[in-house]
């Protein structure tokens, strides 16, 4: 099994190695596309969590000051 880091950093070298073994390169391309999609979704999720945390902190601060929220 190949590490994803290797696939991300050296996709051409991996493709050449797989080709010499007669492997299907379409699977490699699909894997890289899915990994990119997953990483994009993860980044988006982390940004939304950070926003939620900022908003929660603002609500908490307003509540401590006695403001209506």
Protein backbone atom coordinates (compact mmCIF):
# COMPACT_ATOMS: atom_id res chain seq x y z
CA UNK A 1 0.00 0.00 0.00
CA UNK A 2 1.32 3.43 -0.94
CA UNK A 3 1.08 6.40 1.42
CA UNK A 4 -1.25 9.18 0.27
CA UNK A 5 1.52 11.71 0.83
CA UNK A 6 3.61 9.98 -1.81
CA UNK A 7 0.68 9.92 -4.23
CA UNK A 8 0.06 13.64 -3.69
CA UNK A 9 3.68 14.74 -3.93
CA UNK A 10 4.88 12.48 -6.76
CA UNK A 11 1.86 11.45 -8.85
CA UNK A 12 3.88 11.18 -12.08
CA UNK A 13 6.49 8.88 -10.53
CA UNK A 14 3.76 6.72 -9.02
CA UNK A 15 1.93 6.59 -12.36
CA UNK A 16 5.11 5.47 -14.14
CA UNK A 17 5.72 2.76 -11.54
CA UNK A 18 2.13 1.54 -11.78
CA UNK A 19 2.28 1.56 -15.57
CA UNK A 20 5.33 -0.71 -15.56
CA UNK A 21 3.31 -3.13 -13.43
CA UNK A 22 0.36 -2.96 -15.82
CA UNK A 23 -1.94 -1.30 -13.28
CA UNK A 24 -4.95 0.82 -14.20
CA UNK A 25 -3.98 4.50 -14.02
CA UNK A 26 -7.61 5.63 -13.99
CA UNK A 27 -7.87 4.42 -10.41
CA UNK A 28 -4.91 6.61 -9.43
CA UNK A 29 -6.48 9.66 -11.06
CA UNK A 30 -9.80 8.98 -9.36
CA UNK A 31 -8.09 8.52 -6.00
CA UNK A 32 -6.24 11.83 -6.37
CA UNK A 33 -9.45 13.61 -7.38
CA UNK A 34 -11.33 12.16 -4.40
CA UNK A 35 -8.48 13.09 -2.07
CA UNK A 36 -8.50 16.67 -3.35
CA UNK A 37 -12.27 16.85 -2.88
CA UNK A 38 -11.98 15.43 0.64
CA UNK A 39 -9.25 17.92 1.57
CA UNK A 40 -11.33 20.82 0.23
CA UNK A 41 -14.35 19.69 2.25
CA UNK A 42 -12.18 19.30 5.35
CA UNK A 43 -10.82 22.83 4.93
CA UNK A 44 -14.35 24.18 4.55
CA UNK A 45 -15.47 22.28 7.65
CA UNK A 46 -12.61 23.69 9.71
CA UNK A 47 -13.44 27.23 8.54
CA UNK A 48 -17.08 26.75 9.56
CA UNK A 49 -16.03 25.40 12.97
CA UNK A 50 -13.80 28.44 13.51
CA UNK A 51 -16.68 30.75 12.59
CA UNK A 52 -19.00 28.91 14.98
CA UNK A 53 -16.44 29.26 17.77
CA UNK A 54 -16.04 33.01 17.13
CA UNK A 55 -19.81 33.50 17.14
CA UNK A 56 -20.21 31.43 20.31
CA UNK A 57 -17.53 33.51 22.03
CA UNK A 58 -19.27 36.73 20.97
CA UNK A 59 -22.60 35.46 22.30
CA UNK A 60 -20.99 34.44 25.57
CA UNK A 61 -19.32 37.83 25.95
CA UNK A 62 -22.59 39.64 25.23
CA UNK A 63 -24.40 37.46 27.76
CA UNK A 64 -21.77 38.21 30.43
CA UNK A 65 -22.23 41.93 29.79
CA UNK A 66 -25.98 41.48 30.30
CA UNK A 67 -26.95 42.22 26.71
CA UNK A 68 -29.84 40.52 24.95
CA UNK A 69 -28.72 37.90 22.45
